[in-house]
Amino acid sequence: MAVTLYYLPEGRMPGDIDNIVKLVLDALCAHIYLDDAQVERVVVQKFEPGNVFGFSNASMTIIDAITGPKPVLYVRVSNNPLEELT
């Protein structure tokens, strides 16, 4: 499985982005997958104000996250950890 996390805080984010990864993976456990050991790939990025780059073929969910009220945590789970690598 693969998990993508995009965090869009209201302002400069205090702390490190890696601090949210374990919390999210643990929260998904037993709801989305049986064990976070099933996750083979994690992509995480923060987008602080002024540092959002353009997405090609962005979904409406991503557009809403970028343009809407903050903070936002976008989470995407896929059963194919190689989907963006092929």
Protein backbone atom coordinates (compact mmCIF):
# COMPACT_ATOMS: atom_id res chain seq x y z
CA MET A 1 0.00 0.00 0.00
CA ALA A 2 1.02 3.63 -0.46
CA VAL A 3 -0.03 6.68 1.55
CA THR A 4 0.26 10.26 0.32
CA LEU A 5 0.02 13.12 2.84
CA TYR A 6 -0.11 16.80 1.94
CA TYR A 7 -0.25 19.18 4.89
CA LEU A 8 -1.38 22.76 4.30
CA PRO A 9 -0.98 24.72 7.56
CA GLU A 10 -2.37 28.19 8.25
CA GLY A 11 1.11 29.65 8.54
CA ARG A 12 4.67 28.52 9.09
CA MET A 13 4.53 25.04 10.55
CA PRO A 14 6.17 24.61 13.93
CA GLY A 15 7.99 21.31 14.29
CA ASP A 16 8.92 18.76 11.71
CA ILE A 17 6.69 17.32 8.98
CA ASP A 18 7.72 13.76 9.85
CA ASN A 19 5.96 14.09 13.21
CA ILE A 20 2.53 13.71 11.57
CA VAL A 21 3.36 10.57 9.58
CA LYS A 22 3.20 8.03 12.41
CA LEU A 23 0.07 9.64 13.85
CA VAL A 24 -1.77 9.37 10.53
CA LEU A 25 -0.58 5.84 9.75
CA ASP A 26 -1.61 4.67 13.21
CA ALA A 27 -5.02 6.38 12.88
CA LEU A 28 -5.68 4.60 9.57
CA CYS A 29 -4.88 1.22 11.13
CA ALA A 30 -7.96 -0.99 11.59
CA HIS A 31 -10.05 1.46 9.52
CA ILE A 32 -8.29 1.38 6.16
CA TYR A 33 -5.78 -1.46 6.56
CA LEU A 34 -5.12 -4.12 9.19
CA ASP A 35 -1.59 -3.08 10.10
CA ASP A 36 0.63 -0.17 9.08
CA ALA A 37 3.29 -2.75 8.19
CA GLN A 38 1.24 -3.13 4.97
CA VAL A 39 2.33 0.38 3.94
CA GLU A 40 5.34 0.13 1.63
CA ARG A 41 5.54 3.76 0.53
CA VAL A 42 4.81 7.10 2.17
CA VAL A 43 4.96 10.45 0.37
CA VAL A 44 4.62 13.48 2.63
CA GLN A 45 4.94 17.17 1.86
CA LYS A 46 3.99 20.41 3.58
CA PHE A 47 2.75 23.43 1.68
CA GLU A 48 3.24 26.51 3.82
CA PRO A 49 1.64 29.75 2.57
CA GLY A 50 3.48 31.01 -0.49
CA ASN A 51 5.13 27.63 -1.13
CA VAL A 52 2.38 25.80 -3.03
CA PHE A 53 3.46 24.73 -6.48
CA GLY A 54 1.26 23.86 -9.43
CA PHE A 55 -0.18 20.38 -9.78
CA SER A 56 -0.75 18.87 -13.20
CA ASN A 57 -4.21 17.31 -13.49
CA ALA A 58 -5.14 18.26 -9.92
CA SER A 59 -8.34 16.75 -8.61
CA MET A 60 -11.06 19.00 -7.20
CA THR A 61 -10.14 17.68 -3.75
CA ILE A 62 -6.58 19.02 -4.13
CA ILE A 63 -7.84 22.33 -5.55
CA ASP A 64 -10.26 22.70 -2.63
CA ALA A 65 -7.44 21.96 -0.17
CA ILE A 66 -5.17 24.58 -1.74
CA THR A 67 -7.78 27.31 -2.07
CA GLY A 68 -9.93 26.60 0.99
CA PRO A 69 -9.56 27.36 4.68
CA LYS A 70 -6.52 25.99 6.51
CA PRO A 71 -5.20 23.86 8.11
CA VAL A 72 -5.85 20.90 5.80
CA LEU A 73 -4.41 17.42 5.78
CA TYR A 74 -4.96 15.62 2.47
CA VAL A 75 -4.64 11.84 2.78
CA ARG A 76 -4.67 9.41 -0.12
CA VAL A 77 -4.32 5.64 0.26
CA SER A 78 -3.58 3.33 -2.66
CA ASN A 79 -3.18 -0.42 -2.85
CA ASN A 80 -0.44 0.02 -5.49
CA PRO A 81 2.79 1.42 -3.99
CA LEU A 82 4.38 1.62 -7.45
CA GLU A 83 1.59 3.48 -9.27
CA GLU A 84 3.47 6.78 -9.65
CA LEU A 85 6.82 5.11 -10.32
CA THR A 86 5.86 3.16 -13.44
